[in-house]
C-alpha cells in the first residue's frame, strides 16, 4: 500500500481528554483535507518513557508548523474585573511557547467558547469553529488562507536553509580551491628560490 505524500507536517497541540476528541478529530480531518499530516502529538502520535515536555521539545522542531486545538480546560476568573472565561490547558501554552521559540508558524483553531489567553493572540491569528458544516463552509476560505500562509512561511524557511547550505558548500569549495592554489604557488616560490 502506497503512503500518501503530504505537503507539510503539523505538530498538533491538543487535549487528549475524551470530551475534546471530536473537536481534535475535526481539526485533523481539516488538516488532512488540505494535505497536511498531523504529527508529533505527545500521547497520541508519539510516546516515550521520558518527561512529556522533553518529548515536546524533541518533536516540535521536526514539524513544519504547529496547530493548536484550543479547547476549554479551566474556569478562570479575573480577580479585578470579575470576568469569567474558559482557559486552555497549560501544556498547550507550553507547546505554543516551544513552537514560538523555534520560529515555527503557529495555527490556532479555537473551539467556540474557549479563551486563548493573552500570548496566542499576540503571535498569530486564530479561527473559532463550532464544529458544524455551515460554520466550516463560511470560514473555509479563511482556513485555507491561514494554512496556506503557514505552509508558505515554512517553505520560505526551508528554501532559505537550502540556499544557505548551498552557499556554505560553495564557500568551502572556494576556500579549499584558494588553499590549494596558494599551496602550489608557495611550493613554486620555494623551489624557484633554490
N, C-alpha and C. Protein backbone atom coordinates (compact mmCIF):
# COMPACT_ATOMS: atom_id res chain seq x y z
N UNK A 1 0.84 -1.19 0.00
CA UNK A 1 0.00 0.00 0.00
C UNK A 1 0.89 1.25 0.00
N UNK A 2 0.60 2.15 -0.90
CA UNK A 2 1.40 3.36 -1.04
C UNK A 2 0.97 4.39 0.00
N UNK A 3 1.96 5.01 0.65
CA UNK A 3 1.66 6.04 1.64
C UNK A 3 1.44 7.37 0.94
N UNK A 4 0.47 8.13 1.43
CA UNK A 4 0.16 9.44 0.87
C UNK A 4 1.31 10.40 1.15
N UNK A 5 1.67 11.18 0.15
CA UNK A 5 2.71 12.19 0.31
C UNK A 5 2.02 13.51 0.68
N UNK A 6 2.34 14.01 1.85
CA UNK A 6 1.75 15.24 2.34
C UNK A 6 2.61 16.43 1.96
N UNK A 7 1.98 17.59 1.81
CA UNK A 7 2.71 18.83 1.50
C UNK A 7 3.47 19.34 2.72
N UNK A 8 2.94 19.05 3.92
CA UNK A 8 3.57 19.56 5.14
C UNK A 8 3.16 18.68 6.32
N UNK A 9 3.90 18.84 7.43
CA UNK A 9 3.54 18.17 8.67
C UNK A 9 3.22 19.23 9.72
N UNK A 10 2.25 18.90 10.56
CA UNK A 10 1.85 19.83 11.62
C UNK A 10 1.87 19.10 12.96
N UNK A 11 2.65 19.61 13.89
CA UNK A 11 2.59 19.13 15.26
C UNK A 11 1.26 19.62 15.81
N UNK A 12 0.43 18.69 16.24
CA UNK A 12 -0.89 19.06 16.76
C UNK A 12 -0.83 19.11 18.28
N UNK A 13 -1.06 20.29 18.79
CA UNK A 13 -1.10 20.52 20.24
C UNK A 13 -2.57 20.51 20.64
N UNK A 14 -2.94 19.53 21.47
CA UNK A 14 -4.36 19.38 21.78
C UNK A 14 -4.56 18.66 23.11
N UNK A 15 -5.79 18.75 23.58
CA UNK A 15 -6.21 17.98 24.75
C UNK A 15 -6.40 16.53 24.33
N UNK A 16 -6.07 15.61 25.21
CA UNK A 16 -6.30 14.19 24.95
C UNK A 16 -7.53 13.68 25.70
N UNK A 17 -8.26 14.60 26.30
CA UNK A 17 -9.47 14.21 27.04
C UNK A 17 -10.55 13.73 26.08
N UNK A 18 -11.32 12.76 26.55
CA UNK A 18 -12.39 12.15 25.75
C UNK A 18 -13.37 13.19 25.20
N UNK A 19 -13.75 14.14 26.03
CA UNK A 19 -14.74 15.13 25.61
C UNK A 19 -14.22 16.09 24.53
N UNK A 20 -12.90 16.18 24.38
CA UNK A 20 -12.31 17.06 23.35
C UNK A 20 -11.98 16.32 22.06
N UNK A 21 -12.06 15.01 22.09
CA UNK A 21 -11.69 14.19 20.95
C UNK A 21 -12.45 14.54 19.66
N UNK A 22 -13.78 14.76 19.70
CA UNK A 22 -14.47 15.11 18.45
C UNK A 22 -13.93 16.39 17.80
N UNK A 23 -13.62 17.42 18.61
CA UNK A 23 -13.09 18.66 18.04
C UNK A 23 -11.69 18.44 17.47
N UNK A 24 -10.85 17.72 18.19
CA UNK A 24 -9.48 17.44 17.72
C UNK A 24 -9.54 16.63 16.42
N UNK A 25 -10.38 15.61 16.38
CA UNK A 25 -10.53 14.81 15.15
C UNK A 25 -11.03 15.67 13.99
N UNK A 26 -11.93 16.59 14.28
CA UNK A 26 -12.45 17.52 13.28
C UNK A 26 -11.32 18.37 12.69
N UNK A 27 -10.47 18.91 13.54
CA UNK A 27 -9.35 19.73 13.08
C UNK A 27 -8.37 18.88 12.26
N UNK A 28 -8.09 17.67 12.72
CA UNK A 28 -7.17 16.79 11.97
C UNK A 28 -7.75 16.42 10.62
N UNK A 29 -9.05 16.27 10.54
CA UNK A 29 -9.72 15.99 9.27
C UNK A 29 -9.53 17.18 8.31
N UNK A 30 -9.65 18.38 8.84
CA UNK A 30 -9.42 19.59 8.04
C UNK A 30 -7.98 19.61 7.54
N UNK A 31 -7.02 19.33 8.43
CA UNK A 31 -5.61 19.33 8.03
C UNK A 31 -5.37 18.34 6.90
N UNK A 32 -5.87 17.13 7.05
CA UNK A 32 -5.68 16.10 6.02
C UNK A 32 -6.32 16.51 4.70
N UNK A 33 -7.47 17.17 4.76
CA UNK A 33 -8.14 17.64 3.55
C UNK A 33 -7.28 18.67 2.81
N UNK A 34 -6.47 19.41 3.57
CA UNK A 34 -5.56 20.39 2.99
C UNK A 34 -4.15 19.82 2.79
N UNK A 35 -4.05 18.49 2.82
CA UNK A 35 -2.80 17.78 2.54
C UNK A 35 -1.70 18.05 3.58
N UNK A 36 -2.12 18.17 4.83
CA UNK A 36 -1.19 18.40 5.94
C UNK A 36 -1.30 17.20 6.88
N UNK A 37 -0.17 16.61 7.20
CA UNK A 37 -0.15 15.42 8.04
C UNK A 37 -0.03 15.79 9.52
N UNK A 38 -1.04 15.41 10.34
CA UNK A 38 -0.92 15.60 11.79
C UNK A 38 0.23 14.74 12.31
N UNK A 39 1.00 15.28 13.25
CA UNK A 39 2.24 14.63 13.64
C UNK A 39 2.64 15.05 15.05
N UNK A 40 3.33 14.18 15.74
CA UNK A 40 4.08 14.53 16.94
C UNK A 40 3.34 14.71 18.24
N UNK A 41 2.01 14.72 18.24
CA UNK A 41 1.27 14.95 19.47
C UNK A 41 1.69 13.94 20.55
N UNK A 42 2.17 14.46 21.66
CA UNK A 42 2.63 13.61 22.74
C UNK A 42 1.42 12.93 23.38
N UNK A 43 1.47 11.60 23.40
CA UNK A 43 0.37 10.82 23.95
C UNK A 43 -0.61 10.36 22.89
N UNK A 44 -0.48 10.89 21.68
CA UNK A 44 -1.37 10.50 20.59
C UNK A 44 -0.59 9.93 19.41
N UNK A 45 0.41 10.67 18.92
CA UNK A 45 1.24 10.22 17.81
C UNK A 45 2.64 9.84 18.25
N UNK A 46 2.98 10.17 19.48
CA UNK A 46 4.33 9.95 19.97
C UNK A 46 4.29 9.61 21.45
N UNK A 47 5.05 8.60 21.83
CA UNK A 47 5.13 8.22 23.24
C UNK A 47 6.57 7.86 23.59
N UNK A 48 6.92 8.11 24.82
CA UNK A 48 8.28 7.84 25.28
C UNK A 48 8.26 7.73 26.80
N UNK A 49 9.21 6.99 27.37
CA UNK A 49 9.25 6.91 28.83
C UNK A 49 9.84 8.16 29.48
N UNK A 50 10.20 9.16 28.69
CA UNK A 50 10.77 10.39 29.26
C UNK A 50 9.67 11.41 29.56
N UNK A 51 10.05 12.47 30.20
CA UNK A 51 9.14 13.56 30.54
C UNK A 51 8.44 14.06 29.27
N UNK A 52 7.11 14.23 29.30
CA UNK A 52 6.39 14.69 28.12
C UNK A 52 6.91 16.03 27.57
N UNK A 53 7.34 16.94 28.44
CA UNK A 53 7.87 18.22 27.98
C UNK A 53 9.15 18.03 27.16
N UNK A 54 9.97 17.04 27.53
CA UNK A 54 11.19 16.74 26.76
C UNK A 54 10.81 16.24 25.38
N UNK A 55 9.82 15.38 25.30
CA UNK A 55 9.37 14.84 24.01
C UNK A 55 8.77 15.96 23.15
N UNK A 56 8.05 16.89 23.75
CA UNK A 56 7.52 18.04 23.00
C UNK A 56 8.68 18.82 22.38
N UNK A 57 9.71 19.09 23.19
CA UNK A 57 10.87 19.83 22.70
C UNK A 57 11.58 19.10 21.58
N UNK A 58 11.52 17.77 21.57
CA UNK A 58 12.15 16.98 20.52
C UNK A 58 11.30 16.97 19.24
N UNK A 59 9.99 16.83 19.39
CA UNK A 59 9.11 16.67 18.23
C UNK A 59 8.82 17.96 17.47
N UNK A 60 8.61 19.05 18.17
CA UNK A 60 8.20 20.30 17.52
C UNK A 60 9.19 20.77 16.45
N UNK A 61 10.50 20.70 16.66
CA UNK A 61 11.41 21.14 15.60
C UNK A 61 11.30 20.34 14.30
N UNK A 62 10.78 19.12 14.36
CA UNK A 62 10.65 18.31 13.15
C UNK A 62 9.38 18.62 12.35
N UNK A 63 8.45 19.34 12.94
CA UNK A 63 7.21 19.71 12.25
C UNK A 63 7.44 20.95 11.40
N UNK A 64 6.66 21.06 10.34
CA UNK A 64 6.74 22.27 9.52
C UNK A 64 6.11 23.45 10.26
N UNK A 65 5.00 23.20 10.93
CA UNK A 65 4.38 24.21 11.77
C UNK A 65 3.56 23.53 12.86
N UNK A 66 3.01 24.33 13.75
CA UNK A 66 2.27 23.80 14.89
C UNK A 66 0.81 24.23 14.78
N UNK A 67 -0.09 23.28 15.00
CA UNK A 67 -1.53 23.56 15.01
C UNK A 67 -2.03 23.37 16.43
N UNK A 68 -2.63 24.40 16.96
CA UNK A 68 -3.20 24.37 18.30
C UNK A 68 -4.70 24.12 18.19
N UNK A 69 -5.17 23.10 18.88
CA UNK A 69 -6.62 22.84 19.00
C UNK A 69 -7.00 23.35 20.38
N UNK A 70 -7.53 24.54 20.43
CA UNK A 70 -7.82 25.19 21.71
C UNK A 70 -9.20 24.82 22.20
N UNK A 71 -9.22 24.07 23.29
CA UNK A 71 -10.48 23.64 23.92
C UNK A 71 -10.48 24.04 25.39
N UNK A 72 -11.66 24.14 25.96
CA UNK A 72 -11.81 24.56 27.36
C UNK A 72 -11.16 23.55 28.30
N UNK A 73 -10.44 24.04 29.30
CA UNK A 73 -9.91 23.17 30.34
C UNK A 73 -10.21 23.74 31.71
N UNK A 74 -9.97 25.05 31.89
CA UNK A 74 -10.11 25.64 33.22
C UNK A 74 -11.09 26.80 33.22
N UNK A 75 -11.83 26.90 34.30
CA UNK A 75 -12.66 28.06 34.55
C UNK A 75 -11.75 29.10 35.17
N UNK A 76 -11.67 30.27 34.53
CA UNK A 76 -10.78 31.32 35.02
C UNK A 76 -11.59 32.57 35.35
N UNK A 77 -11.16 33.27 36.38
CA UNK A 77 -11.84 34.49 36.76
C UNK A 77 -10.80 35.58 37.04
N UNK A 78 -10.96 36.71 36.39
CA UNK A 78 -10.09 37.85 36.63
C UNK A 78 -10.47 38.44 37.98
N UNK A 79 -9.52 38.49 38.91
CA UNK A 79 -9.85 38.94 40.27
C UNK A 79 -10.16 40.43 40.34
N UNK A 80 -9.76 41.20 39.33
CA UNK A 80 -10.03 42.64 39.35
C UNK A 80 -11.34 42.99 38.67
N UNK A 81 -11.61 42.37 37.53
CA UNK A 81 -12.82 42.70 36.77
C UNK A 81 -13.97 41.74 37.04
N UNK A 82 -13.65 40.55 37.54
CA UNK A 82 -14.68 39.54 37.78
C UNK A 82 -15.07 38.78 36.52
N UNK A 83 -14.43 39.12 35.40
CA UNK A 83 -14.75 38.45 34.13
C UNK A 83 -14.35 36.97 34.19
N UNK A 84 -15.26 36.10 33.75
CA UNK A 84 -15.05 34.65 33.78
C UNK A 84 -14.80 34.17 32.35
N UNK A 85 -13.83 33.25 32.18
CA UNK A 85 -13.54 32.67 30.86
C UNK A 85 -13.15 31.21 31.05
N UNK A 86 -13.10 30.49 29.95
CA UNK A 86 -12.71 29.09 29.96
C UNK A 86 -11.36 28.96 29.27
N UNK A 87 -10.30 28.76 30.05
CA UNK A 87 -8.94 28.75 29.54
C UNK A 87 -8.47 27.39 29.07
N UNK A 88 -7.34 27.43 28.38
CA UNK A 88 -6.72 26.24 27.80
C UNK A 88 -5.84 25.53 28.83
N UNK A 89 -5.50 24.29 28.50
CA UNK A 89 -4.54 23.53 29.28
C UNK A 89 -3.20 24.24 29.27
N UNK A 90 -2.50 24.19 30.40
CA UNK A 90 -1.18 24.83 30.47
C UNK A 90 -0.18 24.18 29.50
N UNK A 91 -0.37 22.89 29.18
CA UNK A 91 0.56 22.22 28.26
C UNK A 91 0.41 22.75 26.84
N UNK A 92 -0.78 23.19 26.47
CA UNK A 92 -0.97 23.80 25.15
C UNK A 92 -0.20 25.12 25.10
N UNK A 93 -0.22 25.87 26.19
CA UNK A 93 0.57 27.11 26.25
C UNK A 93 2.07 26.79 26.15
N UNK A 94 2.50 25.73 26.80
CA UNK A 94 3.91 25.33 26.75
C UNK A 94 4.31 24.98 25.32
N UNK A 95 3.49 24.16 24.65
CA UNK A 95 3.80 23.77 23.27
C UNK A 95 3.79 24.99 22.34
N UNK A 96 2.90 25.92 22.58
CA UNK A 96 2.88 27.16 21.79
C UNK A 96 4.19 27.93 21.99
N UNK A 97 4.63 28.01 23.23
CA UNK A 97 5.90 28.70 23.52
C UNK A 97 7.10 28.01 22.88
N UNK A 98 7.12 26.69 22.90
CA UNK A 98 8.21 25.95 22.26
C UNK A 98 8.21 26.22 20.76
N UNK A 99 7.02 26.19 20.15
CA UNK A 99 6.91 26.47 18.71
C UNK A 99 7.42 27.87 18.40
N UNK A 100 7.01 28.82 19.21
CA UNK A 100 7.43 30.22 19.01
C UNK A 100 8.95 30.34 19.15
N UNK A 101 9.51 29.66 20.13
CA UNK A 101 10.97 29.71 20.34
C UNK A 101 11.74 29.10 19.17
N UNK A 102 11.11 28.16 18.46
CA UNK A 102 11.74 27.52 17.30
C UNK A 102 11.34 28.19 15.99
N UNK A 103 10.73 29.36 16.07
CA UNK A 103 10.30 30.12 14.89
C UNK A 103 9.38 29.33 13.98
N UNK A 104 8.54 28.50 14.57
CA UNK A 104 7.56 27.72 13.80
C UNK A 104 6.28 28.55 13.67
N UNK A 105 5.68 28.57 12.49
CA UNK A 105 4.37 29.22 12.39
C UNK A 105 3.37 28.48 13.30
N UNK A 106 2.50 29.23 13.92
CA UNK A 106 1.50 28.65 14.83
C UNK A 106 0.12 28.96 14.27
N UNK A 107 -0.64 27.89 14.01
CA UNK A 107 -2.00 28.00 13.51
C UNK A 107 -2.92 27.56 14.64
N UNK A 108 -3.95 28.35 14.92
CA UNK A 108 -4.81 28.05 16.07
C UNK A 108 -6.27 27.95 15.64
N UNK A 109 -6.88 26.83 16.02
CA UNK A 109 -8.31 26.63 15.86
C UNK A 109 -8.91 26.58 17.25
N UNK A 110 -9.84 27.47 17.52
CA UNK A 110 -10.43 27.59 18.85
C UNK A 110 -11.85 27.02 18.82
N UNK A 111 -12.11 26.10 19.74
CA UNK A 111 -13.49 25.61 19.88
C UNK A 111 -14.30 26.74 20.49
N UNK A 112 -15.43 27.03 19.88
CA UNK A 112 -16.28 28.11 20.33
C UNK A 112 -16.49 28.03 21.85
N UNK A 113 -16.29 29.17 22.52
CA UNK A 113 -16.47 29.24 23.96
C UNK A 113 -15.18 29.12 24.75
N UNK A 114 -14.07 28.86 24.05
CA UNK A 114 -12.77 28.73 24.73
C UNK A 114 -11.99 30.03 24.62
N UNK A 115 -11.23 30.35 25.64
CA UNK A 115 -10.39 31.54 25.64
C UNK A 115 -8.94 31.14 25.37
N UNK A 116 -8.29 31.85 24.47
CA UNK A 116 -6.89 31.53 24.13
C UNK A 116 -5.88 32.14 25.10
N UNK A 117 -6.31 33.02 25.98
CA UNK A 117 -5.36 33.69 26.86
C UNK A 117 -4.75 34.89 26.14
N UNK A 118 -3.62 35.38 26.64
CA UNK A 118 -3.01 36.60 26.10
C UNK A 118 -1.88 36.36 25.11
N UNK A 119 -1.14 35.27 25.28
CA UNK A 119 0.04 35.04 24.44
C UNK A 119 -0.33 34.71 23.00
N UNK A 120 -1.22 33.77 22.81
CA UNK A 120 -1.56 33.29 21.46
C UNK A 120 -2.04 34.42 20.54
N UNK A 121 -2.97 35.28 20.95
CA UNK A 121 -3.41 36.35 20.04
C UNK A 121 -2.30 37.35 19.69
N UNK A 122 -1.22 37.36 20.47
CA UNK A 122 -0.12 38.27 20.18
C UNK A 122 0.90 37.69 19.21
N UNK A 123 0.81 36.38 18.92
CA UNK A 123 1.79 35.79 17.98
C UNK A 123 1.14 35.28 16.69
N UNK A 124 -0.18 35.15 16.67
CA UNK A 124 -0.83 34.61 15.49
C UNK A 124 -2.31 34.98 15.48
N UNK A 125 -2.92 34.79 14.31
CA UNK A 125 -4.37 34.92 14.22
C UNK A 125 -4.98 33.55 14.48
N UNK A 126 -6.24 33.52 14.82
CA UNK A 126 -6.86 32.22 15.06
C UNK A 126 -8.27 32.22 14.48
N UNK A 127 -8.80 31.02 14.31
CA UNK A 127 -10.15 30.84 13.78
C UNK A 127 -10.97 30.09 14.82
N UNK A 128 -12.12 30.63 15.16
CA UNK A 128 -13.03 29.98 16.09
C UNK A 128 -14.03 29.16 15.29
N UNK A 129 -14.18 27.90 15.68
CA UNK A 129 -15.09 26.99 14.99
C UNK A 129 -16.07 26.37 15.97
N UNK A 130 -17.29 26.13 15.49
CA UNK A 130 -18.28 25.46 16.34
C UNK A 130 -18.48 24.00 15.98
N UNK A 131 -17.79 23.53 14.92
CA UNK A 131 -17.84 22.12 14.54
C UNK A 131 -18.94 21.77 13.55
N UNK A 132 -19.74 22.75 13.14
CA UNK A 132 -20.80 22.46 12.18
C UNK A 132 -20.31 22.65 10.75
N UNK A 133 -20.98 21.97 9.83
CA UNK A 133 -20.64 22.08 8.40
C UNK A 133 -20.85 23.52 7.91
N UNK A 134 -21.94 24.15 8.34
CA UNK A 134 -22.25 25.51 7.91
C UNK A 134 -21.14 26.48 8.33
N UNK A 135 -20.69 26.35 9.57
CA UNK A 135 -19.62 27.21 10.09
C UNK A 135 -18.34 26.99 9.28
N UNK A 136 -18.04 25.71 8.98
CA UNK A 136 -16.85 25.41 8.18
C UNK A 136 -16.95 26.05 6.80
N UNK A 137 -18.11 25.92 6.16
CA UNK A 137 -18.27 26.47 4.81
C UNK A 137 -18.12 27.99 4.80
N UNK A 138 -18.62 28.63 5.83
CA UNK A 138 -18.49 30.09 5.94
C UNK A 138 -17.02 30.48 6.09
N UNK A 139 -16.25 29.68 6.83
CA UNK A 139 -14.85 30.03 7.15
C UNK A 139 -13.83 29.27 6.30
N UNK A 140 -14.30 28.50 5.33
CA UNK A 140 -13.43 27.64 4.52
C UNK A 140 -12.29 28.44 3.86
N UNK A 141 -12.61 29.57 3.25
CA UNK A 141 -11.58 30.37 2.57
C UNK A 141 -10.57 30.92 3.57
N UNK A 142 -11.04 31.33 4.73
CA UNK A 142 -10.16 31.86 5.77
C UNK A 142 -9.23 30.75 6.30
N UNK A 143 -9.79 29.55 6.47
CA UNK A 143 -8.99 28.40 6.92
C UNK A 143 -7.91 28.09 5.89
N UNK A 144 -8.30 28.07 4.61
CA UNK A 144 -7.32 27.82 3.55
C UNK A 144 -6.22 28.87 3.58
N UNK A 145 -6.61 30.13 3.71
CA UNK A 145 -5.64 31.22 3.74
C UNK A 145 -4.65 31.05 4.90
N UNK A 146 -5.16 30.74 6.08
CA UNK A 146 -4.31 30.57 7.26
C UNK A 146 -3.34 29.40 7.07
N UNK A 147 -3.85 28.26 6.63
CA UNK A 147 -2.99 27.08 6.44
C UNK A 147 -2.00 27.30 5.29
N UNK A 148 -2.46 27.92 4.22
CA UNK A 148 -1.57 28.17 3.08
C UNK A 148 -0.44 29.13 3.46
N UNK A 149 -0.76 30.17 4.20
CA UNK A 149 0.28 31.11 4.63
C UNK A 149 1.28 30.46 5.58
N UNK A 150 0.80 29.58 6.45
CA UNK A 150 1.73 28.84 7.32
C UNK A 150 2.65 27.97 6.47
N UNK A 151 2.09 27.32 5.46
CA UNK A 151 2.89 26.48 4.56
C UNK A 151 3.92 27.34 3.81
N UNK A 152 3.50 28.49 3.30
CA UNK A 152 4.41 29.36 2.55
C UNK A 152 5.56 29.87 3.43
N UNK A 153 5.24 30.19 4.68
CA UNK A 153 6.30 30.60 5.62
C UNK A 153 7.29 29.46 5.80
N UNK A 154 6.76 28.26 6.01
CA UNK A 154 7.60 27.08 6.19
C UNK A 154 8.45 26.82 4.95
N UNK A 155 7.83 26.91 3.78
CA UNK A 155 8.55 26.69 2.52
C UNK A 155 9.65 27.73 2.35
N UNK A 156 9.36 28.98 2.70
CA UNK A 156 10.36 30.03 2.61
C UNK A 156 11.55 29.76 3.52
N UNK A 157 11.27 29.29 4.73
CA UNK A 157 12.35 28.95 5.67
C UNK A 157 13.19 27.80 5.12
N UNK A 158 12.51 26.78 4.59
CA UNK A 158 13.24 25.63 4.02
C UNK A 158 14.09 26.05 2.82
N UNK A 159 13.50 26.89 1.96
CA UNK A 159 14.25 27.37 0.78
C UNK A 159 15.47 28.18 1.21
N UNK A 160 15.30 29.01 2.23
CA UNK A 160 16.41 29.83 2.74
C UNK A 160 17.51 28.94 3.33
N UNK A 161 17.12 27.89 4.05
CA UNK A 161 18.10 26.95 4.61
C UNK A 161 18.87 26.24 3.50
N UNK A 162 18.15 25.83 2.45
CA UNK A 162 18.81 25.16 1.31
C UNK A 162 19.78 26.12 0.63
N UNK A 163 19.35 27.37 0.45
CA UNK A 163 20.21 28.38 -0.19
C UNK A 163 21.46 28.61 0.66
N UNK A 164 21.28 28.75 1.98
CA UNK A 164 22.42 28.96 2.87
C UNK A 164 23.36 27.77 2.87
N UNK A 165 22.79 26.56 2.80
CA UNK A 165 23.61 25.35 2.76
C UNK A 165 24.43 25.32 1.47
N UNK A 166 23.79 25.66 0.34
CA UNK A 166 24.49 25.69 -0.95
C UNK A 166 25.59 26.75 -0.94
N UNK A 167 25.31 27.91 -0.35
CA UNK A 167 26.33 28.97 -0.26
C UNK A 167 27.49 28.54 0.62
N UNK A 168 27.18 27.84 1.70
CA UNK A 168 28.23 27.36 2.60
C UNK A 168 29.12 26.36 1.89
N UNK A 169 28.52 25.43 1.15
CA UNK A 169 29.30 24.44 0.40
C UNK A 169 30.15 25.13 -0.65
N UNK A 170 29.55 26.10 -1.38
CA UNK A 170 30.31 26.84 -2.40
C UNK A 170 31.46 27.60 -1.76
N UNK A 171 31.20 28.19 -0.59
CA UNK A 171 32.25 28.92 0.12
C UNK A 171 33.38 27.99 0.56
N UNK A 172 33.02 26.82 1.07
CA UNK A 172 34.04 25.84 1.47
C UNK A 172 34.86 25.38 0.26
N UNK A 173 34.16 25.18 -0.85
CA UNK A 173 34.85 24.77 -2.07
C UNK A 173 35.82 25.87 -2.53
N UNK A 174 35.36 27.13 -2.48
CA UNK A 174 36.21 28.26 -2.89
C UNK A 174 37.42 28.39 -1.97
N UNK A 175 37.21 28.26 -0.67
CA UNK A 175 38.32 28.34 0.29
C UNK A 175 39.30 27.21 0.05
N UNK A 176 38.76 26.00 -0.17
CA UNK A 176 39.63 24.85 -0.46
C UNK A 176 40.42 25.06 -1.73
N UNK A 177 39.77 25.60 -2.76
CA UNK A 177 40.46 25.89 -4.03
C UNK A 177 41.55 26.92 -3.86
N UNK A 178 41.25 27.98 -3.10
CA UNK A 178 42.26 29.01 -2.84
C UNK A 178 43.42 28.46 -2.02
N UNK A 179 43.12 27.57 -1.08
CA UNK A 179 44.19 26.97 -0.27
C UNK A 179 45.10 26.12 -1.14
N UNK A 180 44.54 25.37 -2.05
CA UNK A 180 45.36 24.55 -2.97
C UNK A 180 46.18 25.45 -3.88
N UNK A 181 45.56 26.47 -4.45
CA UNK A 181 46.26 27.40 -5.33
C UNK A 181 47.40 28.08 -4.57
N UNK A 182 47.11 28.52 -3.34
CA UNK A 182 48.15 29.16 -2.53
C UNK A 182 49.28 28.19 -2.20
N UNK A 183 48.94 26.94 -1.93
CA UNK A 183 49.97 25.93 -1.64
C UNK A 183 50.86 25.68 -2.84
N UNK A 184 50.26 25.61 -4.01
CA UNK A 184 51.03 25.40 -5.25
C UNK A 184 51.97 26.58 -5.47
N UNK A 185 51.47 27.79 -5.33
CA UNK A 185 52.29 29.00 -5.53
C UNK A 185 53.43 29.05 -4.50
N UNK A 186 53.14 28.66 -3.27
CA UNK A 186 54.17 28.64 -2.24
C UNK A 186 55.27 27.65 -2.60
N UNK A 187 54.87 26.46 -3.05
CA UNK A 187 55.86 25.46 -3.47
C UNK A 187 56.68 25.96 -4.66
N UNK A 188 56.04 26.64 -5.59
CA UNK A 188 56.76 27.20 -6.74
C UNK A 188 57.82 28.20 -6.26
N UNK A 189 57.45 29.05 -5.31
CA UNK A 189 58.39 30.03 -4.77
C UNK A 189 59.56 29.36 -4.06
N UNK A 190 59.27 28.32 -3.31
CA UNK A 190 60.31 27.61 -2.55
C UNK A 190 61.30 26.96 -3.52
N UNK A 191 60.77 26.27 -4.52
CA UNK A 191 61.66 25.56 -5.48
C UNK A 191 62.36 26.53 -6.42
N UNK A 192 61.75 27.67 -6.73
CA UNK A 192 62.36 28.66 -7.59
C UNK A 192 63.56 29.33 -6.89
N UNK A 193 63.43 29.55 -5.59
CA UNK A 193 64.49 30.21 -4.87
C UNK A 193 65.70 29.30 -4.65
N UNK A 194 65.53 27.97 -4.77
CA UNK A 194 66.65 27.06 -4.62
C UNK A 194 67.34 26.96 -5.92
